[in-house]
C-alpha atoms as a PDB file:
ATOM      1  CA  MET A   1      19.856  38.248 -25.300  1.00  0.00           C
ATOM      2  CA  LYS A   2      23.234  37.117 -23.354  1.00  0.00           C
ATOM      3  CA  LYS A   3      24.671  33.991 -24.811  1.00  0.00           C
ATOM      4  CA  THR A   4      23.494  31.766 -22.551  1.00  0.00           C
ATOM      5  CA  GLU A   5      19.869  33.186 -21.874  1.00  0.00           C
ATOM      6  CA  ARG A   6      19.985  32.778 -25.674  1.00  0.00           C
ATOM      7  CA  MET A   7      20.972  29.233 -25.339  1.00  0.00           C
ATOM      8  CA  ASN A   8      17.953  28.814 -22.677  1.00  0.00           C
ATOM      9  CA  ALA A   9      15.690  30.192 -25.064  1.00  0.00           C
ATOM     10  CA  ILE A  10      16.444  27.700 -28.121  1.00  0.00           C
ATOM     11  CA  ILE A  11      16.010  24.654 -25.453  1.00  0.00           C
ATOM     12  CA  TYR A  12      12.577  26.105 -24.040  1.00  0.00           C
ATOM     13  CA  ILE A  13      11.685  27.100 -27.775  1.00  0.00           C
ATOM     14  CA  LEU A  14      12.409  23.385 -29.427  1.00  0.00           C
ATOM     15  CA  LYS A  15      10.740  22.170 -26.247  1.00  0.00           C
ATOM     16  CA  GLU A  16       7.077  24.042 -27.225  1.00  0.00           C
ATOM     17  CA  LYS A  17       7.343  24.017 -30.744  1.00  0.00           C
ATOM     18  CA  GLY A  18       8.747  20.645 -31.923  1.00  0.00           C
ATOM     19  CA  LYS A  19      11.085  20.540 -34.800  1.00  0.00           C
ATOM     20  CA  LEU A  20      12.422  23.710 -36.154  1.00  0.00           C
ATOM     21  CA  THR A  21      14.964  25.173 -39.169  1.00  0.00           C
ATOM     22  CA  ALA A  22      17.831  27.752 -37.889  1.00  0.00           C
ATOM     23  CA  GLY A  23      16.141  30.240 -39.626  1.00  0.00           C
ATOM     24  CA  GLU A  24      12.771  29.961 -37.888  1.00  0.00           C
ATOM     25  CA  ILE A  25      14.639  30.017 -34.391  1.00  0.00           C
ATOM     26  CA  ALA A  26      16.544  32.933 -35.877  1.00  0.00           C
ATOM     27  CA  ARG A  27      13.380  34.719 -36.513  1.00  0.00           C
ATOM     28  CA  LEU A  28      12.222  33.884 -33.229  1.00  0.00           C
ATOM     29  CA  LEU A  29      14.965  35.053 -31.210  1.00  0.00           C
ATOM     30  CA  GLU A  30      15.486  37.986 -33.671  1.00  0.00           C
ATOM     31  CA  VAL A  31      19.403  37.391 -34.697  1.00  0.00           C
ATOM     32  CA  SER A  32      21.398  36.021 -37.452  1.00  0.00           C
ATOM     33  CA  GLU A  33      20.737  32.210 -38.226  1.00  0.00           C
ATOM     34  CA  ARG A  34      24.867  31.652 -37.752  1.00  0.00           C
ATOM     35  CA  THR A  35      24.246  32.991 -34.542  1.00  0.00           C
ATOM     36  CA  ILE A  36      21.870  30.059 -34.011  1.00  0.00           C
ATOM     37  CA  TYR A  37      24.443  27.412 -35.599  1.00  0.00           C
ATOM     38  CA  ARG A  38      26.969  28.740 -33.213  1.00  0.00           C
ATOM     39  CA  ASP A  39      24.568  28.310 -30.403  1.00  0.00           C
ATOM     40  CA  ILE A  40      23.309  24.669 -31.092  1.00  0.00           C
ATOM     41  CA  ASP A  41      26.522  23.409 -31.196  1.00  0.00           C
ATOM     42  CA  ALA A  42      27.529  24.772 -27.876  1.00  0.00           C
ATOM     43  CA  LEU A  43      24.388  22.719 -26.696  1.00  0.00           C
ATOM     44  CA  SER A  44      25.507  20.180 -28.159  1.00  0.00           C
ATOM     45  CA  GLN A  45      28.948  20.275 -26.244  1.00  0.00           C
ATOM     46  CA  ILE A  46      27.609  20.473 -23.087  1.00  0.00           C
ATOM     47  CA  LYS A  47      25.138  17.311 -23.955  1.00  0.00           C
ATOM     48  CA  VAL A  48      22.000  18.514 -24.741  1.00  0.00           C
ATOM     49  CA  PRO A  49      20.171  16.315 -26.492  1.00  0.00           C
ATOM     50  CA  ILE A  50      19.618  18.258 -29.674  1.00  0.00           C
ATOM     51  CA  ILE A  51      18.638  16.128 -32.934  1.00  0.00           C
ATOM     52  CA  ALA A  52      19.983  17.708 -36.383  1.00  0.00           C
ATOM     53  CA  TYR A  53      17.670  16.542 -39.268  1.00  0.00           C
ATOM     54  CA  GLU A  54      19.733  17.142 -42.812  1.00  0.00           C
ATOM     55  CA  GLY A  55      17.823  17.645 -46.338  1.00  0.00           C
ATOM     56  CA  ASN A  56      14.967  19.929 -47.349  1.00  0.00           C
ATOM     57  CA  GLN A  57      13.002  18.569 -44.433  1.00  0.00           C
ATOM     58  CA  GLY A  58      15.621  19.205 -42.609  1.00  0.00           C
ATOM     59  CA  GLY A  59      15.817  21.410 -38.974  1.00  0.00           C
ATOM     60  CA  TYR A  60      16.257  20.974 -35.392  1.00  0.00           C
ATOM     61  CA  GLU A  61      14.357  19.264 -32.600  1.00  0.00           C
ATOM     62  CA  ILE A  62      15.333  18.367 -28.685  1.00  0.00           C
ATOM     63  CA  ASP A  63      15.029  14.799 -27.575  1.00  0.00           C
ATOM     64  CA  PRO A  64      11.259  14.718 -25.815  1.00  0.00           C
ATOM     65  CA  GLY A  65      12.687  12.774 -22.721  1.00  0.00           C
ATOM     66  CA  TYR A  66      14.901  15.886 -22.042  1.00  0.00           C
ATOM     67  CA  PHE A  67      13.914  17.090 -18.881  1.00  0.00           C
ATOM     68  CA  ILE A  68      14.169  21.427 -17.815  1.00  0.00           C
ATOM     69  CA  PRO A  69      14.600  21.798 -14.018  1.00  0.00           C
ATOM     70  CA  SER A  70      12.049  24.755 -13.425  1.00  0.00           C
ATOM     71  CA  ILE A  71      10.942  26.944 -10.550  1.00  0.00           C
ATOM     72  CA  GLN A  72       7.949  24.897  -8.796  1.00  0.00           C
ATOM     73  CA  LEU A  73       5.143  26.220  -9.403  1.00  0.00           C
ATOM     74  CA  THR A  74       1.423  24.773  -8.855  1.00  0.00           C
ATOM     75  CA  GLU A  75      -1.110  24.695 -12.000  1.00  0.00           C
ATOM     76  CA  GLU A  76      -2.794  27.256 -10.503  1.00  0.00           C
ATOM     77  CA  GLU A  77      -0.046  29.521 -10.029  1.00  0.00           C
ATOM     78  CA  ILE A  78       1.372  28.696 -13.585  1.00  0.00           C
ATOM     79  CA  THR A  79      -2.519  29.840 -15.219  1.00  0.00           C
ATOM     80  CA  SER A  80      -2.075  33.084 -13.082  1.00  0.00           C
ATOM     81  CA  PHE A  81       1.159  33.983 -14.790  1.00  0.00           C
ATOM     82  CA  LEU A  82      -0.004  32.858 -18.026  1.00  0.00           C
ATOM     83  CA  ILE A  83      -2.788  35.254 -17.836  1.00  0.00           C
ATOM     84  CA  LEU A  84      -0.848  38.289 -16.697  1.00  0.00           C
ATOM     85  CA  LEU A  85       1.828  37.753 -19.459  1.00  0.00           C
ATOM     86  CA  LYS A  86      -1.196  37.644 -21.806  1.00  0.00           C
ATOM     87  CA  LEU A  87      -2.171  40.932 -20.447  1.00  0.00           C
ATOM     88  CA  GLY A  88       1.074  42.419 -20.302  1.00  0.00           C
ATOM     89  CA  LYS A  89       1.504  41.586 -24.227  1.00  0.00           C
ATOM     90  CA  GLU A  90      -1.642  43.088 -24.796  1.00  0.00           C
ATOM     91  CA  LEU A  91      -0.672  46.612 -23.019  1.00  0.00           C
ATOM     92  CA  LYS A  92       2.074  46.472 -25.851  1.00  0.00           C
ATOM     93  CA  VAL A  93       4.797  47.702 -23.115  1.00  0.00           C
ATOM     94  CA  PRO A  94       7.222  49.470 -25.374  1.00  0.00           C
ATOM     95  CA  GLY A  95      10.109  47.134 -25.568  1.00  0.00           C
ATOM     96  CA  LEU A  96       9.178  44.137 -23.630  1.00  0.00           C
ATOM     97  CA  HIS A  97       6.275  42.642 -26.248  1.00  0.00           C
ATOM     98  CA  LYS A  98       9.362  39.935 -27.660  1.00  0.00           C
ATOM     99  CA  ASN A  99       9.672  38.603 -24.125  1.00  0.00           C
ATOM    100  CA  TYR A 100       6.114  37.614 -23.345  1.00  0.00           C
ATOM    101  CA  ASP A 101       6.036  34.230 -25.469  1.00  0.00           C
ATOM    102  CA  MET A 102       9.331  33.075 -24.790  1.00  0.00           C
ATOM    103  CA  LEU A 103       8.430  33.530 -20.797  1.00  0.00           C
ATOM    104  CA  SER A 104       5.028  31.929 -22.156  1.00  0.00           C
ATOM    105  CA  PHE A 105       7.112  28.928 -23.226  1.00  0.00           C
ATOM    106  CA  LYS A 106       9.447  28.782 -19.598  1.00  0.00           C
ATOM    107  CA  LEU A 107       5.891  28.137 -17.561  1.00  0.00           C
ATOM    108  CA  LEU A 108       4.465  25.730 -19.682  1.00  0.00           C
ATOM    109  CA  ASN A 109       7.292  23.844 -19.672  1.00  0.00           C
ATOM    110  CA  ALA A 110       6.432  22.987 -16.131  1.00  0.00           C
ATOM    111  CA  VAL A 111       2.701  22.220 -16.808  1.00  0.00           C
ATOM    112  CA  SER A 112       2.548  18.179 -16.497  1.00  0.00           C
ATOM    113  CA  ASN A 113       1.406  16.620 -20.335  1.00  0.00           C
ATOM    114  CA  ASP A 114      -1.698  15.585 -18.901  1.00  0.00           C
ATOM    115  CA  SER A 115      -2.875  19.574 -17.927  1.00  0.00           C
ATOM    116  CA  ARG A 116      -1.554  21.132 -20.916  1.00  0.00           C
ATOM    117  CA  PRO A 117      -4.149  19.757 -23.712  1.00  0.00           C
ATOM    118  CA  GLN A 118      -6.735  21.541 -21.170  1.00  0.00           C
ATOM    119  CA  LEU A 119      -4.825  24.713 -20.234  1.00  0.00           C
ATOM    120  CA  GLU A 120      -4.176  25.134 -24.480  1.00  0.00           C
ATOM    121  CA  ARG A 121      -7.661  25.163 -25.179  1.00  0.00           C
ATOM    122  CA  PHE A 122      -8.547  27.497 -22.494  1.00  0.00           C
ATOM    123  CA  PHE A 123      -6.210  29.935 -23.300  1.00  0.00           C
ATOM    124  CA  ASN A 124      -7.158  29.503 -26.987  1.00  0.00           C
ATOM    125  CA  LYS A 125     -10.156  30.907 -26.262  1.00  0.00           C
ATOM    126  CA  PHE A 126      -9.302  33.411 -23.603  1.00  0.00           C
ATOM    127  CA  LYS A 127      -9.806  36.999 -25.375  1.00  0.00           C
ATOM    128  CA  LEU A 128      -8.414  40.685 -23.865  1.00  0.00           C
ATOM    129  CA  TYR A 129     -10.352  43.645 -25.521  1.00  0.00           C
ATOM    130  CA  ILE A 130      -8.692  46.671 -23.107  1.00  0.00           C
ATOM    131  CA  ASN A 131      -7.321  48.834 -26.439  1.00  0.00           C
ATOM    132  CA  ARG A 132      -9.097  51.688 -28.038  1.00  0.00           C
ATOM    133  CA  ILE A 133      -5.992  52.792 -29.392  1.00  0.00           C
ATOM    134  CA  ASN A 134      -3.555  50.973 -31.406  1.00  0.00           C
ATOM    135  CA  PRO A 135       0.164  52.501 -31.187  1.00  0.00           C
ATOM    136  CA  GLY A 136       2.493  52.322 -34.004  1.00  0.00           C
ATOM    137  CA  SER A 137       6.080  51.417 -33.075  1.00  0.00           C
ATOM    138  CA  TYR A 138       8.255  52.735 -30.607  1.00  0.00           C
ATOM    139  CA  VAL A 139      11.742  54.084 -31.129  1.00  0.00           C
ATOM    140  CA  GLU A 140      14.316  51.496 -29.419  1.00  0.00           C
ATOM    141  CA  GLN A 141      15.301  51.912 -26.030  1.00  0.00           C
ATOM    142  CA  VAL A 142      12.076  54.412 -25.343  1.00  0.00           C
ATOM    143  CA  LEU A 143      10.692  52.234 -22.171  1.00  0.00           C
ATOM    144  CA  GLU A 144      14.802  51.963 -20.967  1.00  0.00           C
ATOM    145  CA  ILE A 145      15.539  55.553 -20.949  1.00  0.00           C
ATOM    146  CA  ILE A 146      11.477  56.985 -19.549  1.00  0.00           C
ATOM    147  CA  MET A 147      12.700  54.248 -16.781  1.00  0.00           C
ATOM    148  CA  LYS A 148      15.885  55.768 -15.657  1.00  0.00           C
ATOM    149  CA  SER A 149      14.519  59.404 -16.118  1.00  0.00           C
ATOM    150  CA  LEU A 150      12.087  58.815 -13.341  1.00  0.00           C
ATOM    151  CA  GLU A 151      14.862  56.701 -11.298  1.00  0.00           C
ATOM    152  CA  GLN A 152      17.639  59.450 -11.733  1.00  0.00           C
ATOM    153  CA  GLU A 153      15.495  62.827 -11.926  1.00  0.00           C
ATOM    154  CA  LYS A 154      17.061  63.494 -14.851  1.00  0.00           C
ATOM    155  CA  LYS A 155      15.719  65.458 -18.008  1.00  0.00           C
ATOM    156  CA  VAL A 156      15.455  63.808 -21.321  1.00  0.00           C
ATOM    157  CA  LYS A 157      15.486  65.487 -25.051  1.00  0.00           C
ATOM    158  CA  LEU A 158      13.264  63.902 -27.325  1.00  0.00           C
ATOM    159  CA  THR A 159      11.711  64.535 -31.200  1.00  0.00           C
ATOM    160  CA  TYR A 160       8.401  64.812 -31.169  1.00  0.00           C
ATOM    161  CA  TYR A 161       5.454  64.301 -33.614  1.00  0.00           C
ATOM    162  CA  THR A 162       2.282  66.157 -33.567  1.00  0.00           C
ATOM    163  CA  PRO A 163      -0.790  64.592 -35.726  1.00  0.00           C
ATOM    164  CA  GLY A 164      -2.875  67.344 -35.867  1.00  0.00           C
ATOM    165  CA  LYS A 165       0.194  69.851 -37.464  1.00  0.00           C
ATOM    166  CA  ASP A 166       1.733  67.173 -38.889  1.00  0.00           C
ATOM    167  CA  SER A 167       5.030  68.307 -37.426  1.00  0.00           C
ATOM    168  CA  LEU A 168       8.214  67.562 -35.114  1.00  0.00           C
ATOM    169  CA  THR A 169       9.705  69.447 -32.581  1.00  0.00           C
ATOM    170  CA  GLU A 170      13.029  69.163 -30.453  1.00  0.00           C
ATOM    171  CA  ARG A 171      11.820  69.143 -26.941  1.00  0.00           C
ATOM    172  CA  GLU A 172      13.662  69.238 -23.088  1.00  0.00           C
ATOM    173  CA  VAL A 173      11.137  67.593 -20.940  1.00  0.00           C
ATOM    174  CA  SER A 174      10.866  66.497 -17.036  1.00  0.00           C
ATOM    175  CA  PRO A 175       9.157  63.664 -16.676  1.00  0.00           C
ATOM    176  CA  TYR A 176       6.606  63.416 -14.075  1.00  0.00           C
ATOM    177  CA  ARG A 177       4.469  60.299 -15.046  1.00  0.00           C
ATOM    178  CA  PHE A 178       4.489  57.175 -16.998  1.00  0.00           C
ATOM    179  CA  ILE A 179       0.951  56.513 -17.535  1.00  0.00           C
ATOM    180  CA  PHE A 180      -0.831  53.476 -19.865  1.00  0.00           C
ATOM    181  CA  ASP A 181      -4.693  54.617 -20.887  1.00  0.00           C
ATOM    182  CA  GLU A 182      -7.025  52.850 -23.382  1.00  0.00           C
ATOM    183  CA  GLY A 183      -4.038  51.026 -24.978  1.00  0.00           C
ATOM    184  CA  GLY A 184      -1.928  53.980 -25.210  1.00  0.00           C
ATOM    185  CA  TRP A 185       1.510  54.682 -23.413  1.00  0.00           C
ATOM    186  CA  TYR A 186       2.604  58.383 -22.428  1.00  0.00           C
ATOM    187  CA  ILE A 187       5.007  60.165 -19.971  1.00  0.00           C
ATOM    188  CA  SER A 188       3.415  63.836 -18.457  1.00  0.00           C
ATOM    189  CA  GLY A 189       5.419  66.181 -17.384  1.00  0.00           C
ATOM    190  CA  TYR A 190       7.287  69.747 -17.779  1.00  0.00           C
ATOM    191  CA  CYS A 191       8.052  70.892 -21.082  1.00  0.00           C
ATOM    192  CA  HIS A 192      10.729  73.236 -21.396  1.00  0.00           C
ATOM    193  CA  LEU A 193       9.790  74.946 -25.082  1.00  0.00           C
ATOM    194  CA  ARG A 194       6.042  75.147 -23.942  1.00  0.00           C
ATOM    195  CA  LYS A 195       6.789  76.300 -20.576  1.00  0.00           C
ATOM    196  CA  ALA A 196       3.752  74.010 -19.028  1.00  0.00           C
ATOM    197  CA  LYS A 197       3.221  70.781 -18.208  1.00  0.00           C
ATOM    198  CA  ARG A 198       2.672  68.047 -21.165  1.00  0.00           C
ATOM    199  CA  THR A 199       1.721  64.642 -22.013  1.00  0.00           C
ATOM    200  CA  PHE A 200       3.948  62.569 -24.852  1.00  0.00           C
ATOM    201  CA  ARG A 201       2.441  59.365 -26.553  1.00  0.00           C
ATOM    202  CA  LEU A 202       5.231  57.378 -26.436  1.00  0.00           C
ATOM    203  CA  ASP A 203       4.659  55.738 -30.383  1.00  0.00           C
ATOM    204  CA  ARG A 204       4.682  59.653 -31.240  1.00  0.00           C
ATOM    205  CA  ILE A 205       8.668  60.060 -30.057  1.00  0.00           C
ATOM    206  CA  LYS A 206      10.758  59.480 -32.746  1.00  0.00           C
ATOM    207  CA  SER A 207      13.948  60.152 -31.318  1.00  0.00           C
ATOM    208  CA  ILE A 208      14.692  60.074 -26.917  1.00  0.00           C
ATOM    209  CA  GLU A 209      17.966  60.489 -25.525  1.00  0.00           C
ATOM    210  CA  LEU A 210      18.850  60.577 -21.363  1.00  0.00           C
ATOM    211  CA  MET A 211      20.041  64.527 -20.373  1.00  0.00           C
ATOM    212  CA  ASP A 212      22.997  64.806 -18.346  1.00  0.00           C
ATOM    213  CA  CYS A 213      21.135  67.380 -15.955  1.00  0.00           C
ATOM    214  CA  PRO A 214      18.210  67.103 -13.176  1.00  0.00           C
ATOM    215  CA  CYS A 215      15.026  67.717 -13.771  1.00  0.00           C
ATOM    216  CA  ILE A 216      13.015  70.991 -13.508  1.00  0.00           C
ATOM    217  CA  PHE A 217      10.114  71.654 -12.491  1.00  0.00           C
ATOM    218  CA  PRO A 218       9.453  75.381 -12.019  1.00  0.00           C
ATOM    219  CA  VAL A 219       5.637  74.949 -10.758  1.00  0.00           C
ATOM    220  CA  ASP A 220       4.045  72.822  -8.364  1.00  0.00           C
ATOM    221  CA  MET A 221       3.146  69.547 -10.577  1.00  0.00           C
ATOM    222  CA  ASP A 222       1.346  67.745  -7.929  1.00  0.00           C
ATOM    223  CA  LEU A 223      -0.708  70.893  -7.907  1.00  0.00           C
ATOM    224  CA  ILE A 224      -1.229  71.060 -11.332  1.00  0.00           C
ATOM    225  CA  GLU A 225      -2.272  67.226 -11.311  1.00  0.00           C
ATOM    226  CA  LYS A 226      -4.765  68.161  -8.782  1.00  0.00           C
ATOM    227  CA  VAL A 227      -6.107  71.201 -10.877  1.00  0.00           C
ATOM    228  CA  ASP A 228      -6.254  68.909 -14.015  1.00  0.00           C
ATOM    229  CA  GLN A 229      -8.184  66.062 -11.890  1.00  0.00           C
ATOM    230  CA  LYS A 230     -10.331  68.635 -10.711  1.00  0.00           C
ATOM    231  CA  THR A 231     -13.740  66.892  -8.889  1.00  0.00           C
ATOM    232  CA  ASP A 232     -17.070  67.976 -10.532  1.00  0.00           C
ATOM    233  CA  ARG A 233     -20.740  67.349  -9.339  1.00  0.00           C
ATOM    234  CA  TYR A 234     -23.112  65.646 -11.527  1.00  0.00           C
ATOM    235  CA  LEU A 235     -26.763  65.756 -10.953  1.00  0.00           C
ATOM    236  CA  LEU A 236     -28.143  62.286 -13.378  1.00  0.00           C
ATOM    237  CA  GLU A 237     -31.810  61.248 -13.713  1.00  0.00           C
ATOM    238  CA  ILE A 238     -31.380  57.339 -14.567  1.00  0.00           C
ATOM    239  CA  ALA A 239     -33.818  54.904 -15.106  1.00  0.00           C
ATOM    240  CA  PRO A 240     -32.925  51.670 -12.800  1.00  0.00           C
ATOM    241  CA  ARG A 241     -32.470  48.929 -15.071  1.00  0.00           C
ATOM    242  CA  PHE A 242     -29.786  51.227 -16.511  1.00  0.00           C
ATOM    243  CA  TYR A 243     -28.171  52.624 -13.233  1.00  0.00           C
ATOM    244  CA  GLU A 244     -27.661  48.204 -12.308  1.00  0.00           C
ATOM    245  CA  ILE A 245     -25.922  48.156 -15.665  1.00  0.00           C
ATOM    246  CA  ILE A 246     -23.633  51.584 -14.758  1.00  0.00           C
ATOM    247  CA  LYS A 247     -23.284  51.697 -11.073  1.00  0.00           C
ATOM    248  CA  HIS A 248     -20.144  49.722 -10.983  1.00  0.00           C
ATOM    249  CA  ASN A 249     -18.364  51.621 -13.682  1.00  0.00           C
ATOM    250  CA  TYR A 250     -15.094  53.701 -12.909  1.00  0.00           C
ATOM    251  CA  TYR A 251     -16.867  57.012 -13.043  1.00  0.00           C
ATOM    252  CA  MET A 252     -19.814  56.489 -10.952  1.00  0.00           C
ATOM    253  CA  GLU A 253     -16.936  55.472  -7.950  1.00  0.00           C
ATOM    254  CA  ASP A 254     -18.424  58.344  -6.219  1.00  0.00           C
ATOM    255  CA  HIS A 255     -21.864  58.223  -6.254  1.00  0.00           C
ATOM    256  CA  LYS A 256     -25.036  58.269  -4.224  1.00  0.00           C
ATOM    257  CA  ILE A 257     -29.101  57.900  -5.143  1.00  0.00           C
ATOM    258  CA  LEU A 258     -30.707  61.103  -3.918  1.00  0.00           C
ATOM    259  CA  GLN A 259     -34.219  60.121  -4.885  1.00  0.00           C
ATOM    260  CA  ASN A 260     -35.609  56.455  -5.644  1.00  0.00           C
ATOM    261  CA  THR A 261     -38.702  56.821  -7.560  1.00  0.00           C
ATOM    262  CA  GLU A 262     -39.796  55.657 -10.632  1.00  0.00           C
ATOM    263  CA  ARG A 263     -36.069  57.362 -12.506  1.00  0.00           C
ATOM    264  CA  LEU A 264     -33.360  57.585  -9.972  1.00  0.00           C
ATOM    265  CA  LEU A 265     -31.762  61.329  -9.047  1.00  0.00           C
ATOM    266  CA  VAL A 266     -28.340  59.761  -8.920  1.00  0.00           C
ATOM    267  CA  GLU A 267     -25.728  62.710  -7.767  1.00  0.00           C
ATOM    268  CA  VAL A 268     -22.069  61.332  -8.964  1.00  0.00           C
ATOM    269  CA  LEU A 269     -18.997  63.188  -8.151  1.00  0.00           C
ATOM    270  CA  THR A 270     -15.927  62.548 -10.800  1.00  0.00           C
ATOM    271  CA  ASP A 271     -12.926  64.014 -12.961  1.00  0.00           C
ATOM    272  CA  SER A 272     -14.586  62.252 -15.793  1.00  0.00           C
ATOM    273  CA  LYS A 273     -16.333  64.690 -17.738  1.00  0.00           C
ATOM    274  CA  ASN A 274     -15.857  63.176 -21.188  1.00  0.00           C
ATOM    275  CA  ALA A 275     -17.529  59.904 -19.789  1.00  0.00           C
ATOM    276  CA  ILE A 276     -20.322  61.693 -18.405  1.00  0.00           C
ATOM    277  CA  LEU A 277     -20.636  63.280 -22.450  1.00  0.00           C
ATOM    278  CA  GLU A 278     -20.439  59.839 -24.037  1.00  0.00           C
ATOM    279  CA  LEU A 279     -22.858  58.152 -21.117  1.00  0.00           C
ATOM    280  CA  ALA A 280     -25.524  61.295 -22.004  1.00  0.00           C
ATOM    281  CA  LEU A 281     -25.348  61.103 -25.518  1.00  0.00           C
ATOM    282  CA  LYS A 282     -25.415  57.162 -26.248  1.00  0.00           C
ATOM    283  CA  ASN A 283     -28.237  56.649 -23.769  1.00  0.00           C
ATOM    284  CA  PRO A 284     -30.833  59.694 -24.214  1.00  0.00           C
ATOM    285  CA  ASP A 285     -33.410  57.207 -23.182  1.00  0.00           C
ATOM    286  CA  THR A 286     -32.491  55.920 -20.282  1.00  0.00           C
ATOM    287  CA  LEU A 287     -30.105  58.622 -19.063  1.00  0.00           C
ATOM    288  CA  LYS A 288     -30.660  62.692 -18.540  1.00  0.00           C
ATOM    289  CA  VAL A 289     -27.912  65.087 -17.042  1.00  0.00           C
ATOM    290  CA  ILE A 290     -29.617  67.778 -14.716  1.00  0.00           C
ATOM    291  CA  GLU A 291     -26.845  69.823 -13.581  1.00  0.00           C
ATOM    292  CA  PRO A 292     -24.566  71.788 -13.980  1.00  0.00           C
ATOM    293  CA  LYS A 293     -25.906  73.885 -16.333  1.00  0.00           C
ATOM    294  CA  SER A 294     -22.490  73.912 -18.489  1.00  0.00           C
ATOM    295  CA  ILE A 295     -22.688  70.520 -19.493  1.00  0.00           C
ATOM    296  CA  CYS A 296     -26.200  70.406 -20.381  1.00  0.00           C
ATOM    297  CA  ASP A 297     -25.703  73.195 -22.473  1.00  0.00           C
ATOM    298  CA  GLU A 298     -22.351  71.794 -24.146  1.00  0.00           C
ATOM    299  CA  LEU A 299     -24.930  68.694 -25.211  1.00  0.00           C
ATOM    300  CA  ARG A 300     -27.624  71.023 -26.752  1.00  0.00           C
ATOM    301  CA  THR A 301     -24.671  72.056 -28.780  1.00  0.00           C
ATOM    302  CA  ILE A 302     -23.007  68.612 -29.425  1.00  0.00           C
ATOM    303  CA  VAL A 303     -26.661  67.524 -30.892  1.00  0.00           C
ATOM    304  CA  LYS A 304     -27.708  70.839 -33.074  1.00  0.00           C
ATOM    305  CA  GLU A 305     -24.141  69.977 -35.063  1.00  0.00           C
ATOM    306  CA  LEU A 306     -24.538  66.496 -35.738  1.00  0.00           C
ATOM    307  CA  VAL A 307     -28.472  67.506 -36.811  1.00  0.00           C
ATOM    308  CA  GLN A 308     -26.490  69.984 -38.922  1.00  0.00           C
ATOM    309  CA  THR A 309     -24.421  67.552 -40.282  1.00  0.00           C
ATOM    310  CA  TYR A 310     -26.774  64.770 -40.628  1.00  0.00           C
ATOM    311  CA  ASP A 311     -29.934  66.583 -41.505  1.00  0.00           C
END
C-alpha cells in the first residue's frame, strides 16, 4: 500500500472505529507502529484534525466533524456494493481479502448518520453460506502471477502439494482457466510434467513464479473441456412435491417432464453426474434413477458397500 493510500486508510479507520492506538492501526494495515507514527505526523502537517491522547488509555482519534469527500452514491447503491464486498470476502479471493474491510469503511463513510444504525443491523444479520471447503493460506502474489500468466499467455512454474500422496512435485503449467468452485480457487491447464490437462487448487500451491516463455498447448484444450463437460441423459422418477423443491437447481437447468402421473417422469440433460448420485442417495423415498443403467449399477455398488461398512 502506497503512503497516500495508507494515510487515507488511517482517516477512514479512525472515522469508523473511533479511538485506536498506533499498534491497533498498524495491525489493521499490516505495517509497523513506526510507520503509523510517521503517517499520523504527516496527516497533522496537512491539517487533518487527528487528536492524540497520552498515557495507558491513550491513542488517536479524528475530530468527528471532519468531512471526507466521497463519491456520490445513493444509499441503495452503497448497500449493493456492501453486499458484493461481503460476498467477495466470503469467496476469499487470494491476495484480496485484506482489502474488503477497508473498502467497506470507505463506503460506510458516505452513509448518513441517520441511516447507519439500520444498515449496520441489516449486515449484522446478513450471512452467506457458499463454501463447502475451507482452503488454507495462499502463497504471496499467487493471484497476481496467475493473472499475468493468463493475460500474457506465459507458463508458470509451481511446487504443488498432493494430499493423497503427501508429496510435493515441481510442475511447469500452461494455465488455461481460473476457476472458483464450492469455496476453492483453482487453475486448470496443460501440465507439462504429466503431459495432460490438470487442475490445481491454489492453497496447495507452495511456490509459484511466472516463466518467460509462452504457454504451450499440444492438444486442443477447448475440445478437452467439452469432453470433460460431456452432457449425459438421466431419466428420473420424482415425487411431485420433491420436484418443486429441486426444479431450479443447477443440474436441472436442462430438463423436461415426459410423464405427469402420481410420480413425474423427468428427463435431465447434465454434466453433473455426482449431483445426480448424491440426489438419489439422499432422497430414495422421493426420487429414483431409471436410466442410464450404468448409474443404477453404480448406486447399487455404493449401497452394498455402505451396508457392509455399517452392518
